[in-house]
C-alpha atoms as a PDB file:
ATOM      1  CA  MET A   1    -100.238  46.350  54.854  1.00  0.00           C
ATOM      2  CA  GLU A   2    -103.154  46.811  52.639  1.00  0.00           C
ATOM      3  CA  LYS A   3    -104.250  49.756  54.522  1.00  0.00           C
ATOM      4  CA  GLU A   4    -100.817  51.589  53.708  1.00  0.00           C
ATOM      5  CA  THR A   5    -101.091  50.780  49.748  1.00  0.00           C
ATOM      6  CA  LYS A   6    -104.621  52.503  49.837  1.00  0.00           C
ATOM      7  CA  ALA A   7    -103.091  55.369  51.297  1.00  0.00           C
ATOM      8  CA  ARG A   8    -100.175  55.701  49.406  1.00  0.00           C
ATOM      9  CA  ILE A   9    -102.155  55.957  46.320  1.00  0.00           C
ATOM     10  CA  ARG A  10    -104.703  58.267  47.985  1.00  0.00           C
ATOM     11  CA  ILE A  11    -102.485  60.580  48.880  1.00  0.00           C
ATOM     12  CA  ASN A  12    -100.605  60.569  45.352  1.00  0.00           C
ATOM     13  CA  ARG A  13    -103.730  61.132  43.594  1.00  0.00           C
ATOM     14  CA  LEU A  14    -104.228  64.476  46.055  1.00  0.00           C
ATOM     15  CA  LEU A  15    -101.027  65.307  45.105  1.00  0.00           C
ATOM     16  CA  GLN A  16    -101.601  65.193  41.599  1.00  0.00           C
ATOM     17  CA  HIS A  17    -104.645  67.015  42.010  1.00  0.00           C
ATOM     18  CA  ALA A  18    -103.349  69.810  43.545  1.00  0.00           C
ATOM     19  CA  GLY A  19    -100.994  70.010  41.059  1.00  0.00           C
ATOM     20  CA  TRP A  20     -97.627  68.645  42.623  1.00  0.00           C
ATOM     21  CA  ARG A  21     -95.308  67.699  39.740  1.00  0.00           C
ATOM     22  CA  PHE A  22     -91.941  65.172  41.097  1.00  0.00           C
ATOM     23  CA  PHE A  23     -90.864  65.583  37.013  1.00  0.00           C
ATOM     24  CA  ASP A  24     -90.805  67.957  34.106  1.00  0.00           C
ATOM     25  CA  ASP A  25     -93.363  67.171  32.145  1.00  0.00           C
ATOM     26  CA  GLU A  26     -96.285  68.724  29.566  1.00  0.00           C
ATOM     27  CA  LYS A  27     -97.943  71.103  32.049  1.00  0.00           C
ATOM     28  CA  GLY A  28     -94.518  72.368  33.455  1.00  0.00           C
ATOM     29  CA  PRO A  29     -91.216  72.238  35.078  1.00  0.00           C
ATOM     30  CA  ALA A  30     -91.475  69.887  38.566  1.00  0.00           C
ATOM     31  CA  ASN A  31     -92.186  71.980  41.478  1.00  0.00           C
ATOM     32  CA  ILE A  32     -91.138  69.922  44.223  1.00  0.00           C
ATOM     33  CA  ALA A  33     -87.811  69.637  45.364  1.00  0.00           C
ATOM     34  CA  LEU A  34     -86.849  66.472  47.298  1.00  0.00           C
ATOM     35  CA  GLU A  35     -83.096  68.241  48.576  1.00  0.00           C
ATOM     36  CA  VAL A  36     -82.006  71.540  47.528  1.00  0.00           C
ATOM     37  CA  ASN A  37     -79.109  70.596  44.812  1.00  0.00           C
ATOM     38  CA  ASP A  38     -80.707  67.310  43.767  1.00  0.00           C
ATOM     39  CA  LYS A  39     -82.866  66.454  40.910  1.00  0.00           C
ATOM     40  CA  ILE A  40     -84.256  62.990  40.410  1.00  0.00           C
ATOM     41  CA  MET A  41     -84.804  61.353  37.259  1.00  0.00           C
ATOM     42  CA  ILE A  42     -87.536  58.689  35.839  1.00  0.00           C
ATOM     43  CA  LEU A  43     -84.857  56.697  35.106  1.00  0.00           C
ATOM     44  CA  CYS A  44     -83.131  56.126  38.384  1.00  0.00           C
ATOM     45  CA  LEU A  45     -86.772  55.245  39.760  1.00  0.00           C
ATOM     46  CA  ASN A  46     -86.757  52.158  36.732  1.00  0.00           C
END
């Protein structure tokens, strides 16, 4: 389990450094689409 956790954190950091955004933020709009007509909101994750 520890290896998977570390791998997920590393992947997330690489995606962030590459400029991928799941949510609109001060840097711009979300540029990743999970599904064509679906939009996830931060509130859905909490």
